[in-house]
PDB file of N, CA and C in Angstrom:
ATOM      1  N   MET A   1     -83.309 -12.617-110.705  1.00  0.00           N
ATOM      2  CA  MET A   1     -83.963 -13.515-110.516  1.00  0.00           C
ATOM      3  C   MET A   1     -83.725 -14.750-111.974  1.00  0.00           C
ATOM      4  N   SER A   2     -83.783 -14.103-113.081  1.00  0.00           N
ATOM      5  CA  SER A   2     -83.421 -14.686-114.507  1.00  0.00           C
ATOM      6  C   SER A   2     -82.135 -14.825-114.372  1.00  0.00           C
ATOM      7  N   THR A   3     -81.112 -14.139-113.436  1.00  0.00           N
ATOM      8  CA  THR A   3     -79.463 -14.799-113.429  1.00  0.00           C
ATOM      9  C   THR A   3     -79.607 -15.860-112.605  1.00  0.00           C
ATOM     10  N   ILE A   4     -79.939 -16.141-111.349  1.00  0.00           N
ATOM     11  CA  ILE A   4     -80.021 -17.248-110.588  1.00  0.00           C
ATOM     12  C   ILE A   4     -80.373 -17.998-111.086  1.00  0.00           C
ATOM     13  N   ILE A   5     -81.529 -18.201-111.652  1.00  0.00           N
ATOM     14  CA  ILE A   5     -82.517 -19.244-112.517  1.00  0.00           C
ATOM     15  C   ILE A   5     -81.477 -19.761-113.672  1.00  0.00           C
ATOM     16  N   ALA A   6     -80.806 -19.090-114.437  1.00  0.00           N
ATOM     17  CA  ALA A   6     -79.825 -19.535-115.438  1.00  0.00           C
ATOM     18  C   ALA A   6     -78.576 -20.111-115.149  1.00  0.00           C
ATOM     19  N   ILE A   7     -78.060 -19.442-113.564  1.00  0.00           N
ATOM     20  CA  ILE A   7     -76.696 -20.170-112.898  1.00  0.00           C
ATOM     21  C   ILE A   7     -77.126 -21.704-112.363  1.00  0.00           C
ATOM     22  N   SER A   8     -78.498 -21.566-111.840  1.00  0.00           N
ATOM     23  CA  SER A   8     -78.897 -22.807-111.250  1.00  0.00           C
ATOM     24  C   SER A   8     -78.882 -24.279-112.047  1.00  0.00           C
ATOM     25  N   PHE A   9     -79.172 -23.748-113.461  1.00  0.00           N
ATOM     26  CA  PHE A   9     -79.439 -24.189-114.986  1.00  0.00           C
ATOM     27  C   PHE A   9     -78.253 -25.040-115.360  1.00  0.00           C
ATOM     28  N   ILE A  10     -77.342 -24.024-115.249  1.00  0.00           N
ATOM     29  CA  ILE A  10     -75.834 -24.041-115.409  1.00  0.00           C
ATOM     30  C   ILE A  10     -74.761 -24.972-114.806  1.00  0.00           C
ATOM     31  N   GLY A  11     -74.966 -25.056-113.614  1.00  0.00           N
ATOM     32  CA  GLY A  11     -74.722 -26.167-112.240  1.00  0.00           C
ATOM     33  C   GLY A  11     -75.244 -27.161-112.860  1.00  0.00           C
ATOM     34  N   ASN A  12     -76.725 -27.239-112.867  1.00  0.00           N
ATOM     35  CA  ASN A  12     -77.167 -28.741-112.769  1.00  0.00           C
ATOM     36  C   ASN A  12     -76.915 -29.145-114.007  1.00  0.00           C
ATOM     37  N   VAL A  13     -76.432 -28.941-114.948  1.00  0.00           N
ATOM     38  CA  VAL A  13     -75.774 -29.394-116.293  1.00  0.00           C
ATOM     39  C   VAL A  13     -74.773 -29.500-115.911  1.00  0.00           C
ATOM     40  N   ALA A  14     -73.868 -28.892-115.491  1.00  0.00           N
ATOM     41  CA  ALA A  14     -72.506 -29.560-115.049  1.00  0.00           C
ATOM     42  C   ALA A  14     -72.116 -30.554-114.378  1.00  0.00           C
ATOM     43  N   TYR A  15     -72.953 -30.392-113.131  1.00  0.00           N
ATOM     44  CA  TYR A  15     -72.790 -31.538-112.273  1.00  0.00           C
ATOM     45  C   TYR A  15     -73.380 -32.771-113.188  1.00  0.00           C
ATOM     46  N   GLY A  16     -74.158 -33.094-114.125  1.00  0.00           N
ATOM     47  CA  GLY A  16     -75.130 -34.148-114.739  1.00  0.00           C
ATOM     48  C   GLY A  16     -73.607 -34.725-115.534  1.00  0.00           C
ATOM     49  N   THR A  17     -73.019 -34.103-115.937  1.00  0.00           N
ATOM     50  CA  THR A  17     -71.980 -34.758-116.946  1.00  0.00           C
ATOM     51  C   THR A  17     -71.368 -35.977-116.301  1.00  0.00           C
ATOM     52  N   VAL A  18     -71.013 -35.519-115.363  1.00  0.00           N
ATOM     53  CA  VAL A  18     -70.002 -36.730-114.547  1.00  0.00           C
ATOM     54  C   VAL A  18     -70.820 -38.067-114.396  1.00  0.00           C
ATOM     55  N   ALA A  19     -71.940 -38.020-114.739  1.00  0.00           N
ATOM     56  CA  ALA A  19     -72.687 -39.198-114.870  1.00  0.00           C
ATOM     57  C   ALA A  19     -72.412 -39.768-116.056  1.00  0.00           C
ATOM     58  N   ILE A  20     -71.968 -39.326-117.308  1.00  0.00           N
ATOM     59  CA  ILE A  20     -71.925 -39.725-118.480  1.00  0.00           C
ATOM     60  C   ILE A  20     -70.501 -40.094-118.711  1.00  0.00           C
ATOM     61  N   ILE A  21     -69.531 -38.818-118.162  1.00  0.00           N
ATOM     62  CA  ILE A  21     -67.854 -39.279-118.430  1.00  0.00           C
ATOM     63  C   ILE A  21     -67.104 -40.382-117.214  1.00  0.00           C
ATOM     64  N   PHE A  22     -67.786 -40.460-116.206  1.00  0.00           N
ATOM     65  CA  PHE A  22     -67.092 -41.088-114.973  1.00  0.00           C
ATOM     66  C   PHE A  22     -67.022 -42.284-115.004  1.00  0.00           C
ATOM     67  N   PRO A  23     -68.376 -43.349-115.453  1.00  0.00           N
ATOM     68  CA  PRO A  23     -68.429 -45.049-115.322  1.00  0.00           C
ATOM     69  C   PRO A  23     -67.354 -45.374-116.475  1.00  0.00           C
ATOM     70  N   ASN A  24     -66.734 -44.853-117.254  1.00  0.00           N
ATOM     71  CA  ASN A  24     -65.533 -45.121-118.310  1.00  0.00           C
ATOM     72  C   ASN A  24     -64.268 -45.201-117.829  1.00  0.00           C
ATOM     73  N   GLN A  25     -64.164 -44.085-116.809  1.00  0.00           N
ATOM     74  CA  GLN A  25     -62.890 -43.719-115.993  1.00  0.00           C
ATOM     75  C   GLN A  25     -62.922 -44.781-114.917  1.00  0.00           C
ATOM     76  N   ALA A  26     -63.773 -45.242-113.992  1.00  0.00           N
ATOM     77  CA  ALA A  26     -63.818 -45.707-113.136  1.00  0.00           C
ATOM     78  C   ALA A  26     -63.507 -46.964-112.998  1.00  0.00           C
ATOM     79  N   MET A  27     -64.012 -47.739-114.798  1.00  0.00           N
ATOM     80  CA  MET A  27     -64.041 -48.933-114.989  1.00  0.00           C
ATOM     81  C   MET A  27     -62.822 -48.856-115.965  1.00  0.00           C
ATOM     82  N   ASN A  28     -61.895 -48.083-116.288  1.00  0.00           N
ATOM     83  CA  ASN A  28     -60.480 -48.582-116.574  1.00  0.00           C
ATOM     84  C   ASN A  28     -59.560 -48.603-115.205  1.00  0.00           C
ATOM     85  N   LYS A  29     -60.105 -47.932-114.308  1.00  0.00           N
ATOM     86  CA  LYS A  29     -58.968 -47.813-112.835  1.00  0.00           C
ATOM     87  C   LYS A  29     -59.438 -49.578-112.380  1.00  0.00           C
ATOM     88  N   GLY A  30     -60.604 -50.382-112.377  1.00  0.00           N
ATOM     89  CA  GLY A  30     -60.740 -51.816-112.235  1.00  0.00           C
ATOM     90  C   GLY A  30     -62.001 -51.383-111.084  1.00  0.00           C
ATOM     91  N   LEU A  31     -62.525 -50.165-111.115  1.00  0.00           N
ATOM     92  CA  LEU A  31     -63.575 -50.433-110.321  1.00  0.00           C
ATOM     93  C   LEU A  31     -64.675 -51.261-110.581  1.00  0.00           C
ATOM     94  N   SER A  32     -65.889 -51.995-110.413  1.00  0.00           N
ATOM     95  CA  SER A  32     -66.870 -52.530-110.845  1.00  0.00           C
ATOM     96  C   SER A  32     -68.420 -51.305-110.968  1.00  0.00           C
ATOM     97  N   GLY A  33     -69.046 -51.735-111.486  1.00  0.00           N
ATOM     98  CA  GLY A  33     -70.463 -51.181-111.926  1.00  0.00           C
ATOM     99  C   GLY A  33     -71.178 -50.657-110.613  1.00  0.00           C
ATOM    100  N   THR A  34     -70.815 -51.688-109.469  1.00  0.00           N
ATOM    101  CA  THR A  34     -71.589 -51.001-108.344  1.00  0.00           C
ATOM    102  C   THR A  34     -70.830 -50.425-107.562  1.00  0.00           C
ATOM    103  N   CYS A  35     -69.313 -50.278-107.579  1.00  0.00           N
ATOM    104  CA  CYS A  35     -68.767 -49.217-107.037  1.00  0.00           C
ATOM    105  C   CYS A  35     -68.870 -47.875-107.759  1.00  0.00           C
ATOM    106  N   THR A  36     -69.013 -47.762-108.652  1.00  0.00           N
ATOM    107  CA  THR A  36     -69.252 -46.715-109.342  1.00  0.00           C
ATOM    108  C   THR A  36     -70.497 -45.991-109.379  1.00  0.00           C
ATOM    109  N   GLY A  37     -71.411 -46.871-109.304  1.00  0.00           N
ATOM    110  CA  GLY A  37     -73.102 -46.282-108.659  1.00  0.00           C
ATOM    111  C   GLY A  37     -72.872 -45.592-107.505  1.00  0.00           C
ATOM    112  N   ILE A  38     -72.143 -46.157-106.596  1.00  0.00           N
ATOM    113  CA  ILE A  38     -71.689 -45.802-105.065  1.00  0.00           C
ATOM    114  C   ILE A  38     -71.354 -44.132-105.226  1.00  0.00           C
ATOM    115  N   ILE A  39     -70.446 -43.982-105.768  1.00  0.00           N
ATOM    116  CA  ILE A  39     -69.360 -43.099-105.979  1.00  0.00           C
ATOM    117  C   ILE A  39     -70.849 -42.234-107.032  1.00  0.00           C
ATOM    118  N   ILE A  40     -71.423 -42.213-107.710  1.00  0.00           N
ATOM    119  CA  ILE A  40     -72.095 -41.385-108.331  1.00  0.00           C
ATOM    120  C   ILE A  40     -73.431 -40.808-107.158  1.00  0.00           C
ATOM    121  N   ALA A  41     -73.617 -41.917-106.465  1.00  0.00           N
ATOM    122  CA  ALA A  41     -74.955 -41.629-105.716  1.00  0.00           C
ATOM    123  C   ALA A  41     -74.355 -41.053-104.766  1.00  0.00           C
ATOM    124  N   GLY A  42     -73.468 -40.906-104.267  1.00  0.00           N
ATOM    125  CA  GLY A  42     -72.352 -40.286-103.223  1.00  0.00           C
ATOM    126  C   GLY A  42     -73.423 -38.301-103.189  1.00  0.00           C
ATOM    127  N   TYR A  43     -73.558 -38.116-104.020  1.00  0.00           N
ATOM    128  CA  TYR A  43     -73.616 -36.529-104.287  1.00  0.00           C
ATOM    129  C   TYR A  43     -75.034 -36.029-103.752  1.00  0.00           C
ATOM    130  N   PRO A  44     -76.039 -37.254-104.658  1.00  0.00           N
ATOM    131  CA  PRO A  44     -77.728 -36.959-104.557  1.00  0.00           C
ATOM    132  C   PRO A  44     -78.017 -37.366-103.031  1.00  0.00           C
ATOM    133  N   PHE A  45     -76.979 -38.624-102.175  1.00  0.00           N
ATOM    134  CA  PHE A  45     -76.978 -38.963-100.437  1.00  0.00           C
ATOM    135  C   PHE A  45     -76.741 -38.017 -99.903  1.00  0.00           C
ATOM    136  N   ALA A  46     -75.672 -37.112-100.158  1.00  0.00           N
ATOM    137  CA  ALA A  46     -75.077 -35.817 -99.132  1.00  0.00           C
ATOM    138  C   ALA A  46     -75.858 -35.104 -99.026  1.00  0.00           C
ATOM    139  N   GLN A  47     -76.581 -34.812-100.201  1.00  0.00           N
ATOM    140  CA  GLN A  47     -77.821 -33.684-100.194  1.00  0.00           C
ATOM    141  C   GLN A  47     -78.635 -33.845 -99.180  1.00  0.00           C
ATOM    142  N   LEU A  48     -79.267 -35.585 -99.502  1.00  0.00           N
ATOM    143  CA  LEU A  48     -80.193 -35.784 -98.256  1.00  0.00           C
ATOM    144  C   LEU A  48     -79.926 -36.298 -97.167  1.00  0.00           C
ATOM    145  N   VAL A  49     -78.591 -36.226 -96.581  1.00  0.00           N
ATOM    146  CA  VAL A  49     -78.368 -36.652 -95.201  1.00  0.00           C
ATOM    147  C   VAL A  49     -77.968 -35.287 -94.515  1.00  0.00           C
ATOM    148  N   PHE A  50     -77.854 -34.386 -95.295  1.00  0.00           N
ATOM    149  CA  PHE A  50     -77.346 -32.714 -94.884  1.00  0.00           C
ATOM    150  C   PHE A  50     -78.208 -31.762 -94.882  1.00  0.00           C
ATOM    151  N   THR A  51     -79.679 -32.026 -95.558  1.00  0.00           N
ATOM    152  CA  THR A  51     -80.701 -30.985 -95.082  1.00  0.00           C
ATOM    153  C   THR A  51     -80.916 -30.594 -94.494  1.00  0.00           C
ATOM    154  N   PRO A  52     -80.896 -31.124 -92.875  1.00  0.00           N
ATOM    155  CA  PRO A  52     -81.100 -30.906 -91.825  1.00  0.00           C
ATOM    156  C   PRO A  52     -80.199 -29.913 -90.909  1.00  0.00           C
ATOM    157  N   HIS A  53     -78.727 -30.330 -91.606  1.00  0.00           N
ATOM    158  CA  HIS A  53     -77.926 -28.881 -91.494  1.00  0.00           C
ATOM    159  C   HIS A  53     -77.857 -27.791 -92.047  1.00  0.00           C
ATOM    160  N   ILE A  54     -78.379 -28.012 -93.224  1.00  0.00           N
ATOM    161  CA  ILE A  54     -78.062 -26.969 -93.824  1.00  0.00           C
ATOM    162  C   ILE A  54     -79.162 -25.942 -93.741  1.00  0.00           C
ATOM    163  N   ASN A  55     -80.656 -26.513 -93.709  1.00  0.00           N
ATOM    164  CA  ASN A  55     -81.165 -25.465 -93.048  1.00  0.00           C
ATOM    165  C   ASN A  55     -81.043 -24.811 -92.064  1.00  0.00           C
ATOM    166  N   SER A  56     -80.642 -25.500 -90.680  1.00  0.00           N
ATOM    167  CA  SER A  56     -80.539 -25.090 -89.629  1.00  0.00           C
ATOM    168  C   SER A  56     -79.046 -23.854 -89.959  1.00  0.00           C
ATOM    169  N   LEU A  57     -78.464 -24.072 -90.847  1.00  0.00           N
ATOM    170  CA  LEU A  57     -77.395 -23.365 -91.239  1.00  0.00           C
ATOM    171  C   LEU A  57     -77.768 -22.061 -91.721  1.00  0.00           C
ATOM    172  N   LEU A  58     -78.911 -21.746 -92.374  1.00  0.00           N
ATOM    173  CA  LEU A  58     -79.361 -21.241 -93.247  1.00  0.00           C
ATOM    174  C   LEU A  58     -79.997 -20.328 -92.222  1.00  0.00           C
ATOM    175  N   ASN A  59     -80.848 -21.087 -91.391  1.00  0.00           N
ATOM    176  CA  ASN A  59     -81.241 -19.817 -90.124  1.00  0.00           C
ATOM    177  C   ASN A  59     -80.432 -19.061 -89.100  1.00  0.00           C
ATOM    178  N   ARG A  60     -79.309 -20.381 -89.103  1.00  0.00           N
ATOM    179  CA  ARG A  60     -78.217 -19.517 -87.889  1.00  0.00           C
ATOM    180  C   ARG A  60     -77.532 -18.619 -88.584  1.00  0.00           C
ATOM    181  N   LYS A  61     -76.697 -18.930 -89.248  1.00  0.00           N
ATOM    182  CA  LYS A  61     -75.426 -18.088 -89.977  1.00  0.00           C
ATOM    183  C   LYS A  61     -76.383 -16.680 -91.416  1.00  0.00           C
ATOM    184  N   GLY A  62     -77.106 -17.551 -91.971  1.00  0.00           N
ATOM    185  CA  GLY A  62     -77.758 -16.566 -93.084  1.00  0.00           C
ATOM    186  C   GLY A  62     -77.394 -17.040 -94.230  1.00  0.00           C
ATOM    187  N   LYS A  63     -77.986 -16.317 -95.491  1.00  0.00           N
ATOM    188  CA  LYS A  63     -77.906 -16.907 -96.806  1.00  0.00           C
ATOM    189  C   LYS A  63     -76.794 -16.663 -97.385  1.00  0.00           C
ATOM    190  N   LYS A  64     -75.803 -15.452 -97.125  1.00  0.00           N
ATOM    191  CA  LYS A  64     -74.500 -15.377 -97.405  1.00  0.00           C
ATOM    192  C   LYS A  64     -73.668 -16.645 -97.256  1.00  0.00           C
ATOM    193  N   TYR A  65     -73.578 -16.810 -95.728  1.00  0.00           N
ATOM    194  CA  TYR A  65     -72.722 -17.210 -95.305  1.00  0.00           C
ATOM    195  C   TYR A  65     -72.829 -18.709 -96.082  1.00  0.00           C
ATOM    196  N   THR A  66     -73.931 -19.159 -96.249  1.00  0.00           N
ATOM    197  CA  THR A  66     -74.455 -20.591 -96.750  1.00  0.00           C
ATOM    198  C   THR A  66     -73.748 -20.888 -97.945  1.00  0.00           C
ATOM    199  N   LEU A  67     -74.086 -19.982 -98.606  1.00  0.00           N
ATOM    200  CA  LEU A  67     -73.486 -19.553 -99.921  1.00  0.00           C
ATOM    201  C   LEU A  67     -72.350 -19.699-100.113  1.00  0.00           C
ATOM    202  N   MET A  68     -71.428 -18.797 -99.564  1.00  0.00           N
ATOM    203  CA  MET A  68     -70.317 -19.297 -99.363  1.00  0.00           C
ATOM    204  C   MET A  68     -69.526 -20.501 -99.009  1.00  0.00           C
ATOM    205  N   GLN A  69     -70.241 -20.928 -97.722  1.00  0.00           N
ATOM    206  CA  GLN A  69     -69.528 -22.473 -97.353  1.00  0.00           C
ATOM    207  C   GLN A  69     -69.955 -23.188 -98.347  1.00  0.00           C
ATOM    208  N   GLY A  70     -71.183 -23.259 -99.008  1.00  0.00           N
ATOM    209  CA  GLY A  70     -71.030 -24.275 -99.942  1.00  0.00           C
ATOM    210  C   GLY A  70     -70.471 -23.986-101.389  1.00  0.00           C
ATOM    211  N   GLY A  71     -69.952 -22.774-101.994  1.00  0.00           N
ATOM    212  CA  GLY A  71     -68.801 -22.630-102.819  1.00  0.00           C
ATOM    213  C   GLY A  71     -67.384 -23.246-102.417  1.00  0.00           C
ATOM    214  N   ILE A  72     -67.616 -23.299-101.189  1.00  0.00           N
ATOM    215  CA  ILE A  72     -66.108 -23.557-100.712  1.00  0.00           C
ATOM    216  C   ILE A  72     -65.913 -25.409-101.019  1.00  0.00           C
ATOM    217  N   ALA A  73     -67.019 -25.931-100.061  1.00  0.00           N
ATOM    218  CA  ALA A  73     -66.928 -27.163 -99.991  1.00  0.00           C
ATOM    219  C   ALA A  73     -67.002 -27.995-101.600  1.00  0.00           C
ATOM    220  N   GLN A  74     -67.654 -27.125-102.696  1.00  0.00           N
ATOM    221  CA  GLN A  74     -67.862 -27.393-103.808  1.00  0.00           C
ATOM    222  C   GLN A  74     -66.048 -27.540-104.436  1.00  0.00           C
ATOM    223  N   MET A  75     -65.794 -26.351-104.108  1.00  0.00           N
ATOM    224  CA  MET A  75     -64.117 -26.149-104.954  1.00  0.00           C
ATOM    225  C   MET A  75     -63.705 -27.100-104.412  1.00  0.00           C
ATOM    226  N   VAL A  76     -63.067 -27.454-102.951  1.00  0.00           N
ATOM    227  CA  VAL A  76     -62.319 -28.336-102.427  1.00  0.00           C
ATOM    228  C   VAL A  76     -62.770 -29.941-102.953  1.00  0.00           C
ATOM    229  N   GLY A  77     -63.834 -30.110-103.000  1.00  0.00           N
ATOM    230  CA  GLY A  77     -64.548 -31.589-103.542  1.00  0.00           C
ATOM    231  C   GLY A  77     -64.274 -31.847-105.095  1.00  0.00           C
ATOM    232  N   LEU A  78     -64.474 -30.978-105.655  1.00  0.00           N
ATOM    233  CA  LEU A  78     -63.922 -30.659-107.316  1.00  0.00           C
ATOM    234  C   LEU A  78     -62.657 -30.974-107.345  1.00  0.00           C
ATOM    235  N   PHE A  79     -61.686 -30.581-106.674  1.00  0.00           N
ATOM    236  CA  PHE A  79     -60.242 -30.352-106.626  1.00  0.00           C
ATOM    237  C   PHE A  79     -59.731 -31.647-106.349  1.00  0.00           C
ATOM    238  N   ILE A  80     -60.283 -32.540-105.297  1.00  0.00           N
ATOM    239  CA  ILE A  80     -59.561 -33.714-104.940  1.00  0.00           C
ATOM    240  C   ILE A  80     -60.619 -34.527-105.658  1.00  0.00           C
ATOM    241  N   PHE A  81     -61.782 -34.499-106.458  1.00  0.00           N
ATOM    242  CA  PHE A  81     -62.403 -35.742-106.893  1.00  0.00           C
ATOM    243  C   PHE A  81     -61.373 -35.169-108.727  1.00  0.00           C
ATOM    244  N   GLY A  82     -60.964 -34.020-109.481  1.00  0.00           N
ATOM    245  CA  GLY A  82     -60.060 -34.035-110.494  1.00  0.00           C
ATOM    246  C   GLY A  82     -58.504 -34.527-110.259  1.00  0.00           C
ATOM    247  N   TYR A  83     -58.136 -34.565-108.590  1.00  0.00           N
ATOM    248  CA  TYR A  83     -56.823 -35.275-108.851  1.00  0.00           C
ATOM    249  C   TYR A  83     -57.116 -36.752-108.530  1.00  0.00           C
ATOM    250  N   SER A  84     -57.826 -37.058-108.192  1.00  0.00           N
ATOM    251  CA  SER A  84     -58.424 -38.585-108.055  1.00  0.00           C
ATOM    252  C   SER A  84     -58.089 -39.646-108.845  1.00  0.00           C
ATOM    253  N   PHE A  85     -57.954 -38.741-110.074  1.00  0.00           N
ATOM    254  CA  PHE A  85     -57.540 -39.781-111.463  1.00  0.00           C
ATOM    255  C   PHE A  85     -56.107 -40.005-110.972  1.00  0.00           C
ATOM    256  N   TYR A  86     -55.370 -39.497-110.260  1.00  0.00           N
ATOM    257  CA  TYR A  86     -54.053 -39.629-110.498  1.00  0.00           C
ATOM    258  C   TYR A  86     -53.627 -40.637-109.345  1.00  0.00           C
ATOM    259  N   ILE A  87     -54.469 -41.426-108.699  1.00  0.00           N
ATOM    260  CA  ILE A  87     -54.414 -42.209-107.270  1.00  0.00           C
ATOM    261  C   ILE A  87     -54.385 -43.850-107.900  1.00  0.00           C
ATOM    262  N   PRO A  88     -53.520 -44.348-107.886  1.00  0.00           N
ATOM    263  CA  PRO A  88     -53.354 -45.575-108.708  1.00  0.00           C
ATOM    264  C   PRO A  88     -53.932 -47.042-108.009  1.00  0.00           C
ATOM    265  N   ASN A  89     -53.953 -46.815-106.893  1.00  0.00           N
ATOM    266  CA  ASN A  89     -54.603 -48.012-105.981  1.00  0.00           C
ATOM    267  C   ASN A  89     -56.124 -47.650-106.299  1.00  0.00           C
ATOM    268  N   LYS A  90     -57.036 -48.622-106.686  1.00  0.00           N
ATOM    269  CA  LYS A  90     -58.327 -48.719-107.098  1.00  0.00           C
ATOM    270  C   LYS A  90     -59.339 -48.297-105.566  1.00  0.00           C
ATOM    271  N   TRP A  91     -58.826 -49.319-104.435  1.00  0.00           N
ATOM    272  CA  TRP A  91     -59.570 -48.746-103.212  1.00  0.00           C
ATOM    273  C   TRP A  91     -59.059 -47.460-103.297  1.00  0.00           C
ATOM    274  N   LEU A  92     -58.049 -46.349-102.632  1.00  0.00           N
ATOM    275  CA  LEU A  92     -58.061 -45.444-102.381  1.00  0.00           C
ATOM    276  C   LEU A  92     -58.727 -44.359-103.138  1.00  0.00           C
ATOM    277  N   TYR A  93     -58.576 -44.601-104.719  1.00  0.00           N
ATOM    278  CA  TYR A  93     -59.637 -44.066-105.886  1.00  0.00           C
ATOM    279  C   TYR A  93     -61.096 -43.955-105.365  1.00  0.00           C
ATOM    280  N   PHE A  94     -61.983 -45.209-104.891  1.00  0.00           N
ATOM    281  CA  PHE A  94     -62.989 -45.148-104.747  1.00  0.00           C
ATOM    282  C   PHE A  94     -63.244 -44.234-103.303  1.00  0.00           C
ATOM    283  N   VAL A  95     -62.585 -44.787-102.565  1.00  0.00           N
ATOM    284  CA  VAL A  95     -62.456 -43.469-101.537  1.00  0.00           C
ATOM    285  C   VAL A  95     -62.519 -42.367-101.607  1.00  0.00           C
ATOM    286  N   SER A  96     -61.447 -41.438-102.117  1.00  0.00           N
ATOM    287  CA  SER A  96     -61.231 -40.097-102.958  1.00  0.00           C
ATOM    288  C   SER A  96     -62.187 -39.928-103.331  1.00  0.00           C
ATOM    289  N   CYS A  97     -62.832 -40.785-104.608  1.00  0.00           N
ATOM    290  CA  CYS A  97     -63.918 -40.340-105.263  1.00  0.00           C
ATOM    291  C   CYS A  97     -65.835 -39.958-104.397  1.00  0.00           C
ATOM    292  N   SER A  98     -65.246 -41.142-103.611  1.00  0.00           N
ATOM    293  CA  SER A  98     -66.798 -41.734-103.090  1.00  0.00           C
ATOM    294  C   SER A  98     -66.589 -40.020-102.013  1.00  0.00           C
ATOM    295  N   LEU A  99     -66.102 -39.712-101.067  1.00  0.00           N
ATOM    296  CA  LEU A  99     -65.549 -38.649-100.162  1.00  0.00           C
ATOM    297  C   LEU A  99     -65.903 -37.037-100.979  1.00  0.00           C
ATOM    298  N   SER A 100     -65.120 -37.071-102.059  1.00  0.00           N
ATOM    299  CA  SER A 100     -65.195 -35.814-102.944  1.00  0.00           C
ATOM    300  C   SER A 100     -66.842 -36.023-103.397  1.00  0.00           C
ATOM    301  N   ARG A 101     -67.518 -36.585-103.797  1.00  0.00           N
ATOM    302  CA  ARG A 101     -68.816 -36.380-104.474  1.00  0.00           C
ATOM    303  C   ARG A 101     -69.609 -36.215-103.122  1.00  0.00           C
ATOM    304  N   GLY A 102     -69.189 -36.457-102.160  1.00  0.00           N
ATOM    305  CA  GLY A 102     -70.133 -36.036-100.713  1.00  0.00           C
ATOM    306  C   GLY A 102     -69.900 -34.947-100.891  1.00  0.00           C
ATOM    307  N   LEU A 103     -68.533 -34.287-100.235  1.00  0.00           N
ATOM    308  CA  LEU A 103     -68.627 -32.686-100.358  1.00  0.00           C
ATOM    309  C   LEU A 103     -69.307 -32.257-101.332  1.00  0.00           C
ATOM    310  N   ILE A 104     -69.435 -32.169-102.590  1.00  0.00           N
ATOM    311  CA  ILE A 104     -69.290 -31.538-103.615  1.00  0.00           C
ATOM    312  C   ILE A 104     -71.422 -31.298-103.398  1.00  0.00           C
ATOM    313  N   GLY A 105     -71.534 -32.794-103.066  1.00  0.00           N
ATOM    314  CA  GLY A 105     -73.194 -32.916-103.180  1.00  0.00           C
ATOM    315  C   GLY A 105     -73.505 -31.924-101.899  1.00  0.00           C
ATOM    316  N   TYR A 106     -72.930 -32.101-100.317  1.00  0.00           N
ATOM    317  CA  TYR A 106     -73.118 -30.848 -99.394  1.00  0.00           C
ATOM    318  C   TYR A 106     -72.945 -29.526 -99.867  1.00  0.00           C
ATOM    319  N   GLY A 107     -72.039 -29.324-100.546  1.00  0.00           N
ATOM    320  CA  GLY A 107     -71.650 -28.130-100.995  1.00  0.00           C
ATOM    321  C   GLY A 107     -72.916 -27.201-102.126  1.00  0.00           C
ATOM    322  N   PHE A 108     -73.398 -28.065-102.947  1.00  0.00           N
ATOM    323  CA  PHE A 108     -74.716 -27.531-104.046  1.00  0.00           C
ATOM    324  C   PHE A 108     -75.559 -27.721-103.208  1.00  0.00           C
ATOM    325  N   GLY A 109     -76.127 -28.446-102.338  1.00  0.00           N
ATOM    326  CA  GLY A 109     -77.277 -28.374-101.366  1.00  0.00           C
ATOM    327  C   GLY A 109     -77.094 -26.879-100.257  1.00  0.00           C
ATOM    328  N   CYS A 110     -76.207 -26.966 -99.654  1.00  0.00           N
ATOM    329  CA  CYS A 110     -75.745 -25.392 -99.251  1.00  0.00           C
ATOM    330  C   CYS A 110     -75.898 -24.216-100.274  1.00  0.00           C
ATOM    331  N   GLU A 111     -75.536 -24.334-101.622  1.00  0.00           N
ATOM    332  CA  GLU A 111     -75.680 -23.223-102.586  1.00  0.00           C
ATOM    333  C   GLU A 111     -77.442 -23.057-103.125  1.00  0.00           C
ATOM    334  N   VAL A 112     -77.655 -24.132-103.358  1.00  0.00           N
ATOM    335  CA  VAL A 112     -79.085 -24.395-104.018  1.00  0.00           C
ATOM    336  C   VAL A 112     -79.915 -23.862-102.869  1.00  0.00           C
ATOM    337  N   SER A 113     -79.574 -24.228-101.587  1.00  0.00           N
ATOM    338  CA  SER A 113     -80.646 -23.969-100.676  1.00  0.00           C
ATOM    339  C   SER A 113     -80.698 -22.414-100.328  1.00  0.00           C
ATOM    340  N   SER A 114     -79.506 -21.686-100.608  1.00  0.00           N
ATOM    341  CA  SER A 114     -79.168 -20.445-100.416  1.00  0.00           C
ATOM    342  C   SER A 114     -79.825 -19.734-101.373  1.00  0.00           C
ATOM    343  N   ARG A 115     -79.671 -20.199-102.583  1.00  0.00           N
ATOM    344  CA  ARG A 115     -79.937 -19.372-103.673  1.00  0.00           C
ATOM    345  C   ARG A 115     -81.555 -19.289-103.501  1.00  0.00           C
ATOM    346  N   ASN A 116     -82.225 -20.483-103.075  1.00  0.00           N
ATOM    347  CA  ASN A 116     -83.847 -20.852-103.436  1.00  0.00           C
ATOM    348  C   ASN A 116     -84.429 -19.487-102.618  1.00  0.00           C
ATOM    349  N   SER A 117     -83.627 -19.768-101.370  1.00  0.00           N
ATOM    350  CA  SER A 117     -84.208 -18.611-100.142  1.00  0.00           C
ATOM    351  C   SER A 117     -83.839 -17.056-100.746  1.00  0.00           C
ATOM    352  N   PHE A 118     -82.918 -16.618-101.510  1.00  0.00           N
ATOM    353  CA  PHE A 118     -83.202 -15.548-102.050  1.00  0.00           C
ATOM    354  C   PHE A 118     -84.390 -15.010-103.300  1.00  0.00           C
ATOM    355  N   ILE A 119     -84.545 -15.843-103.735  1.00  0.00           N
ATOM    356  CA  ILE A 119     -85.753 -15.817-104.948  1.00  0.00           C
ATOM    357  C   ILE A 119     -87.013 -15.944-104.186  1.00  0.00           C
ATOM    358  N   VAL A 120     -87.183 -16.714-102.706  1.00  0.00           N
ATOM    359  CA  VAL A 120     -88.089 -16.895-101.831  1.00  0.00           C
ATOM    360  C   VAL A 120     -88.733 -15.417-101.276  1.00  0.00           C
TER     361      VAL A 120
END
């Protein structure tokens, strides 16, 4: 139980640091503050939108499957987000960052939901 709580805490801290570092990087690419806010908000928005799907996934496929799907989605999303820095066009950069943050949010929603179901 304490291991699951520690992993959750570390994961939340790690994803929270993006909000501190990312705005300067986005401004250097030429994005406005509004675009930067949309990118950062894509993470919790994806969690909100995909919650019904994640719930049905937990009921149909189980905790382990949902946990693995969440981990894979986060891995792919973080890979895309990390390499988005090399996209020179600011609008492609915006789309890439927005989609990757949404994918990361979906993956984290899967992971947290399955982790919490292990606790309960």
